[in-house]
Amino acid sequence: MTNKTLPVEKPVYPVVYGDRAFISRTLVMRDGRQLQVRGHRIEALDADALAFLDAHPDLERLPE
């Protein structure tokens, strides 16, 4: 029996979110990076942005 490990599934970027509260705004992450909402939409382009946007109460992931 071979000991094979399954690949860890990584998110495919960008992950798109809808902003239920604002058409446009700037969200500032703890490290100072700014993420822009435009037309009720914002994208996560990396794992840090993904975690930040997942935790935001006004945002919801949109289906791919």
PDB file of N, CA and C in Angstrom:
ATOM      1  N   MET A   1       0.850  -1.178   0.000  1.00  0.00           N
ATOM      2  CA  MET A   1       0.000   0.000   0.000  1.00  0.00           C
ATOM      3  C   MET A   1       0.900   1.248   0.000  1.00  0.00           C
ATOM      4  N   THR A   2       0.633   2.143  -0.926  1.00  0.00           N
ATOM      5  CA  THR A   2       1.408   3.374  -0.990  1.00  0.00           C
ATOM      6  C   THR A   2       0.717   4.447  -0.167  1.00  0.00           C
ATOM      7  N   ASN A   3       1.517   5.310   0.396  1.00  0.00           N
ATOM      8  CA  ASN A   3       0.988   6.383   1.233  1.00  0.00           C
ATOM      9  C   ASN A   3       0.888   7.653   0.395  1.00  0.00           C
ATOM     10  N   LYS A   4      -0.241   7.840  -0.253  1.00  0.00           N
ATOM     11  CA  LYS A   4      -0.458   9.019  -1.089  1.00  0.00           C
ATOM     12  C   LYS A   4      -1.224  10.067  -0.304  1.00  0.00           C
ATOM     13  N   THR A   5      -0.807  11.291  -0.443  1.00  0.00           N
ATOM     14  CA  THR A   5      -1.552  12.381   0.180  1.00  0.00           C
ATOM     15  C   THR A   5      -2.362  13.086  -0.902  1.00  0.00           C
ATOM     16  N   LEU A   6      -3.533  13.468  -0.535  1.00  0.00           N
ATOM     17  CA  LEU A   6      -4.394  14.191  -1.471  1.00  0.00           C
ATOM     18  C   LEU A   6      -3.958  15.641  -1.516  1.00  0.00           C
ATOM     19  N   PRO A   7      -4.019  16.256  -2.678  1.00  0.00           N
ATOM     20  CA  PRO A   7      -3.639  17.668  -2.757  1.00  0.00           C
ATOM     21  C   PRO A   7      -4.617  18.532  -1.960  1.00  0.00           C
ATOM     22  N   VAL A   8      -4.081  19.542  -1.327  1.00  0.00           N
ATOM     23  CA  VAL A   8      -4.918  20.481  -0.579  1.00  0.00           C
ATOM     24  C   VAL A   8      -5.598  21.393  -1.582  1.00  0.00           C
ATOM     25  N   GLU A   9      -6.906  21.486  -1.457  1.00  0.00           N
ATOM     26  CA  GLU A   9      -7.655  22.326  -2.386  1.00  0.00           C
ATOM     27  C   GLU A   9      -7.448  23.787  -2.028  1.00  0.00           C
ATOM     28  N   LYS A  10      -6.943  24.558  -2.962  1.00  0.00           N
ATOM     29  CA  LYS A  10      -6.711  25.978  -2.762  1.00  0.00           C
ATOM     30  C   LYS A  10      -7.792  26.763  -3.485  1.00  0.00           C
ATOM     31  N   PRO A  11      -8.193  27.909  -2.926  1.00  0.00           N
ATOM     32  CA  PRO A  11      -9.191  28.712  -3.630  1.00  0.00           C
ATOM     33  C   PRO A  11      -8.634  29.221  -4.957  1.00  0.00           C
ATOM     34  N   VAL A  12      -9.498  29.337  -5.903  1.00  0.00           N
ATOM     35  CA  VAL A  12      -9.127  29.887  -7.206  1.00  0.00           C
ATOM     36  C   VAL A  12      -9.459  31.370  -7.164  1.00  0.00           C
ATOM     37  N   TYR A  13      -8.454  32.196  -7.399  1.00  0.00           N
ATOM     38  CA  TYR A  13      -8.639  33.641  -7.333  1.00  0.00           C
ATOM     39  C   TYR A  13      -8.888  34.197  -8.713  1.00  0.00           C
ATOM     40  N   PRO A  14      -9.617  35.265  -8.851  1.00  0.00           N
ATOM     41  CA  PRO A  14     -10.223  36.035  -7.765  1.00  0.00           C
ATOM     42  C   PRO A  14     -11.524  35.408  -7.273  1.00  0.00           C
ATOM     43  N   VAL A  15     -11.829  35.668  -6.006  1.00  0.00           N
ATOM     44  CA  VAL A  15     -13.120  35.321  -5.418  1.00  0.00           C
ATOM     45  C   VAL A  15     -13.898  36.629  -5.346  1.00  0.00           C
ATOM     46  N   VAL A  16     -15.109  36.628  -5.898  1.00  0.00           N
ATOM     47  CA  VAL A  16     -15.896  37.860  -6.014  1.00  0.00           C
ATOM     48  C   VAL A  16     -16.955  37.899  -4.917  1.00  0.00           C
ATOM     49  N   TYR A  17     -17.107  39.084  -4.334  1.00  0.00           N
ATOM     50  CA  TYR A  17     -18.090  39.326  -3.280  1.00  0.00           C
ATOM     51  C   TYR A  17     -19.032  40.435  -3.718  1.00  0.00           C
ATOM     52  N   GLY A  18     -20.254  40.367  -3.210  1.00  0.00           N
ATOM     53  CA  GLY A  18     -21.201  41.453  -3.381  1.00  0.00           C
ATOM     54  C   GLY A  18     -21.305  42.237  -2.085  1.00  0.00           C
ATOM     55  N   ASP A  19     -21.327  43.548  -2.191  1.00  0.00           N
ATOM     56  CA  ASP A  19     -21.466  44.424  -1.029  1.00  0.00           C
ATOM     57  C   ASP A  19     -22.938  44.811  -0.920  1.00  0.00           C
ATOM     58  N   ARG A  20     -23.589  44.372   0.142  1.00  0.00           N
ATOM     59  CA  ARG A  20     -25.017  44.638   0.322  1.00  0.00           C
ATOM     60  C   ARG A  20     -25.299  46.047   0.815  1.00  0.00           C
ATOM     61  N   ALA A  21     -24.277  46.776   1.277  1.00  0.00           N
ATOM     62  CA  ALA A  21     -24.505  48.072   1.899  1.00  0.00           C
ATOM     63  C   ALA A  21     -24.105  49.256   1.028  1.00  0.00           C
ATOM     64  N   PHE A  22     -23.065  49.103   0.191  1.00  0.00           N
ATOM     65  CA  PHE A  22     -22.534  50.243  -0.550  1.00  0.00           C
ATOM     66  C   PHE A  22     -22.298  49.903  -2.016  1.00  0.00           C
ATOM     67  N   ILE A  23     -22.487  50.899  -2.871  1.00  0.00           N
ATOM     68  CA  ILE A  23     -22.165  50.762  -4.292  1.00  0.00           C
ATOM     69  C   ILE A  23     -20.663  50.863  -4.483  1.00  0.00           C
ATOM     70  N   SER A  24     -20.036  51.802  -3.783  1.00  0.00           N
ATOM     71  CA  SER A  24     -18.585  51.940  -3.840  1.00  0.00           C
ATOM     72  C   SER A  24     -18.065  52.408  -2.490  1.00  0.00           C
ATOM     73  N   ARG A  25     -16.901  51.912  -2.126  1.00  0.00           N
ATOM     74  CA  ARG A  25     -16.216  52.319  -0.902  1.00  0.00           C
ATOM     75  C   ARG A  25     -14.835  51.685  -0.891  1.00  0.00           C
ATOM     76  N   THR A  26     -14.034  52.124   0.063  1.00  0.00           N
ATOM     77  CA  THR A  26     -12.699  51.568   0.251  1.00  0.00           C
ATOM     78  C   THR A  26     -12.667  50.860   1.592  1.00  0.00           C
ATOM     79  N   LEU A  27     -12.254  49.595   1.582  1.00  0.00           N
ATOM     80  CA  LEU A  27     -12.062  48.836   2.811  1.00  0.00           C
ATOM     81  C   LEU A  27     -10.566  48.776   3.077  1.00  0.00           C
ATOM     82  N   VAL A  28     -10.170  49.011   4.322  1.00  0.00           N
ATOM     83  CA  VAL A  28      -8.752  49.031   4.678  1.00  0.00           C
ATOM     84  C   VAL A  28      -8.465  47.836   5.589  1.00  0.00           C
ATOM     85  N   MET A  29      -7.540  46.999   5.150  1.00  0.00           N
ATOM     86  CA  MET A  29      -7.143  45.834   5.935  1.00  0.00           C
ATOM     87  C   MET A  29      -6.204  46.278   7.059  1.00  0.00           C
ATOM     88  N   ARG A  30      -5.981  45.423   8.046  1.00  0.00           N
ATOM     89  CA  ARG A  30      -5.120  45.759   9.189  1.00  0.00           C
ATOM     90  C   ARG A  30      -3.705  46.127   8.770  1.00  0.00           C
ATOM     91  N   ASP A  31      -3.221  45.546   7.679  1.00  0.00           N
ATOM     92  CA  ASP A  31      -1.864  45.858   7.227  1.00  0.00           C
ATOM     93  C   ASP A  31      -1.807  47.151   6.410  1.00  0.00           C
ATOM     94  N   GLY A  32      -2.962  47.828   6.275  1.00  0.00           N
ATOM     95  CA  GLY A  32      -3.021  49.091   5.559  1.00  0.00           C
ATOM     96  C   GLY A  32      -3.403  48.965   4.095  1.00  0.00           C
ATOM     97  N   ARG A  33      -3.477  47.745   3.605  1.00  0.00           N
ATOM     98  CA  ARG A  33      -3.856  47.555   2.196  1.00  0.00           C
ATOM     99  C   ARG A  33      -5.300  47.967   1.994  1.00  0.00           C
ATOM    100  N   GLN A  34      -5.569  48.623   0.867  1.00  0.00           N
ATOM    101  CA  GLN A  34      -6.910  49.099   0.548  1.00  0.00           C
ATOM    102  C   GLN A  34      -7.530  48.231  -0.537  1.00  0.00           C
ATOM    103  N   LEU A  35      -8.788  47.855  -0.314  1.00  0.00           N
ATOM    104  CA  LEU A  35      -9.560  47.079  -1.282  1.00  0.00           C
ATOM    105  C   LEU A  35     -10.749  47.927  -1.706  1.00  0.00           C
ATOM    106  N   GLN A  36     -11.007  47.983  -2.989  1.00  0.00           N
ATOM    107  CA  GLN A  36     -12.039  48.870  -3.540  1.00  0.00           C
ATOM    108  C   GLN A  36     -13.316  48.113  -3.904  1.00  0.00           C
ATOM    109  N   VAL A  37     -14.441  48.617  -3.415  1.00  0.00           N
ATOM    110  CA  VAL A  37     -15.761  48.152  -3.850  1.00  0.00           C
ATOM    111  C   VAL A  37     -16.184  49.057  -4.989  1.00  0.00           C
ATOM    112  N   ARG A  38     -16.588  48.470  -6.090  1.00  0.00           N
ATOM    113  CA  ARG A  38     -17.093  49.229  -7.241  1.00  0.00           C
ATOM    114  C   ARG A  38     -18.315  48.494  -7.794  1.00  0.00           C
ATOM    115  N   GLY A  39     -19.404  49.217  -7.915  1.00  0.00           N
ATOM    116  CA  GLY A  39     -20.621  48.595  -8.442  1.00  0.00           C
ATOM    117  C   GLY A  39     -21.110  47.439  -7.592  1.00  0.00           C
ATOM    118  N   HIS A  40     -21.024  47.588  -6.270  1.00  0.00           N
ATOM    119  CA  HIS A  40     -21.422  46.564  -5.298  1.00  0.00           C
ATOM    120  C   HIS A  40     -20.536  45.326  -5.330  1.00  0.00           C
ATOM    121  N   ARG A  41     -19.386  45.357  -6.027  1.00  0.00           N
ATOM    122  CA  ARG A  41     -18.541  44.167  -6.155  1.00  0.00           C
ATOM    123  C   ARG A  41     -17.122  44.455  -5.678  1.00  0.00           C
ATOM    124  N   ILE A  42     -16.506  43.417  -5.120  1.00  0.00           N
ATOM    125  CA  ILE A  42     -15.113  43.489  -4.688  1.00  0.00           C
ATOM    126  C   ILE A  42     -14.508  42.099  -4.862  1.00  0.00           C
ATOM    127  N   GLU A  43     -13.210  42.050  -5.143  1.00  0.00           N
ATOM    128  CA  GLU A  43     -12.541  40.770  -5.386  1.00  0.00           C
ATOM    129  C   GLU A  43     -11.442  40.526  -4.364  1.00  0.00           C
ATOM    130  N   ALA A  44     -11.328  39.271  -3.934  1.00  0.00           N
ATOM    131  CA  ALA A  44     -10.193  38.820  -3.125  1.00  0.00           C
ATOM    132  C   ALA A  44      -9.197  38.187  -4.081  1.00  0.00           C
ATOM    133  N   LEU A  45      -7.967  38.677  -4.037  1.00  0.00           N
ATOM    134  CA  LEU A  45      -6.938  38.184  -4.955  1.00  0.00           C
ATOM    135  C   LEU A  45      -5.888  37.325  -4.259  1.00  0.00           C
ATOM    136  N   ASP A  46      -6.012  37.163  -2.935  1.00  0.00           N
ATOM    137  CA  ASP A  46      -5.068  36.327  -2.196  1.00  0.00           C
ATOM    138  C   ASP A  46      -5.727  35.867  -0.890  1.00  0.00           C
ATOM    139  N   ALA A  47      -5.029  35.012  -0.154  1.00  0.00           N
ATOM    140  CA  ALA A  47      -5.595  34.412   1.057  1.00  0.00           C
ATOM    141  C   ALA A  47      -5.900  35.438   2.145  1.00  0.00           C
ATOM    142  N   ASP A  48      -5.054  36.459   2.306  1.00  0.00           N
ATOM    143  CA  ASP A  48      -5.307  37.479   3.330  1.00  0.00           C
ATOM    144  C   ASP A  48      -6.570  38.272   3.018  1.00  0.00           C
ATOM    145  N   ALA A  49      -6.729  38.667   1.777  1.00  0.00           N
ATOM    146  CA  ALA A  49      -7.931  39.405   1.374  1.00  0.00           C
ATOM    147  C   ALA A  49      -9.167  38.516   1.503  1.00  0.00           C
ATOM    148  N   LEU A  50      -9.029  37.249   1.164  1.00  0.00           N
ATOM    149  CA  LEU A  50     -10.138  36.302   1.276  1.00  0.00           C
ATOM    150  C   LEU A  50     -10.622  36.216   2.726  1.00  0.00           C
ATOM    151  N   ALA A  51      -9.714  36.056   3.666  1.00  0.00           N
ATOM    152  CA  ALA A  51     -10.086  35.976   5.080  1.00  0.00           C
ATOM    153  C   ALA A  51     -10.733  37.284   5.555  1.00  0.00           C
ATOM    154  N   PHE A  52     -10.171  38.411   5.138  1.00  0.00           N
ATOM    155  CA  PHE A  52     -10.707  39.717   5.519  1.00  0.00           C
ATOM    156  C   PHE A  52     -12.131  39.896   4.988  1.00  0.00           C
ATOM    157  N   LEU A  53     -12.348  39.586   3.719  1.00  0.00           N
ATOM    158  CA  LEU A  53     -13.667  39.791   3.126  1.00  0.00           C
ATOM    159  C   LEU A  53     -14.680  38.770   3.641  1.00  0.00           C
ATOM    160  N   ASP A  54     -14.241  37.534   3.902  1.00  0.00           N
ATOM    161  CA  ASP A  54     -15.149  36.530   4.477  1.00  0.00           C
ATOM    162  C   ASP A  54     -15.683  36.979   5.833  1.00  0.00           C
ATOM    163  N   ALA A  55     -14.876  37.702   6.599  1.00  0.00           N
ATOM    164  CA  ALA A  55     -15.270  38.122   7.946  1.00  0.00           C
ATOM    165  C   ALA A  55     -16.124  39.393   7.959  1.00  0.00           C
ATOM    166  N   HIS A  56     -16.243  40.065   6.824  1.00  0.00           N
ATOM    167  CA  HIS A  56     -16.969  41.337   6.793  1.00  0.00           C
ATOM    168  C   HIS A  56     -18.477  41.085   6.738  1.00  0.00           C
ATOM    169  N   PRO A  57     -19.247  41.708   7.641  1.00  0.00           N
ATOM    170  CA  PRO A  57     -20.687  41.422   7.715  1.00  0.00           C
ATOM    171  C   PRO A  57     -21.515  41.916   6.523  1.00  0.00           C
ATOM    172  N   ASP A  58     -21.033  42.894   5.760  1.00  0.00           N
ATOM    173  CA  ASP A  58     -21.799  43.437   4.638  1.00  0.00           C
ATOM    174  C   ASP A  58     -21.536  42.699   3.323  1.00  0.00           C
ATOM    175  N   LEU A  59     -20.612  41.761   3.331  1.00  0.00           N
ATOM    176  CA  LEU A  59     -20.200  41.119   2.089  1.00  0.00           C
ATOM    177  C   LEU A  59     -20.655  39.681   2.023  1.00  0.00           C
ATOM    178  N   GLU A  60     -20.965  39.240   0.811  1.00  0.00           N
ATOM    179  CA  GLU A  60     -21.308  37.831   0.592  1.00  0.00           C
ATOM    180  C   GLU A  60     -20.617  37.350  -0.672  1.00  0.00           C
ATOM    181  N   ARG A  61     -20.128  36.131  -0.624  1.00  0.00           N
ATOM    182  CA  ARG A  61     -19.496  35.559  -1.818  1.00  0.00           C
ATOM    183  C   ARG A  61     -20.547  35.369  -2.897  1.00  0.00           C
ATOM    184  N   LEU A  62     -20.164  35.721  -4.104  1.00  0.00           N
ATOM    185  CA  LEU A  62     -21.057  35.536  -5.247  1.00  0.00           C
ATOM    186  C   LEU A  62     -20.708  34.221  -5.937  1.00  0.00           C
ATOM    187  N   PRO A  63     -21.701  33.554  -6.501  1.00  0.00           N
ATOM    188  CA  PRO A  63     -21.413  32.312  -7.210  1.00  0.00           C
ATOM    189  C   PRO A  63     -20.497  32.563  -8.392  1.00  0.00           C
ATOM    190  N   GLU A  64     -19.677  31.581  -8.682  1.00  0.00           N
ATOM    191  CA  GLU A  64     -18.730  31.712  -9.795  1.00  0.00           C
ATOM    192  C   GLU A  64     -19.438  31.728 -11.126  1.00  0.00           C
TER     193      GLU A  64
END
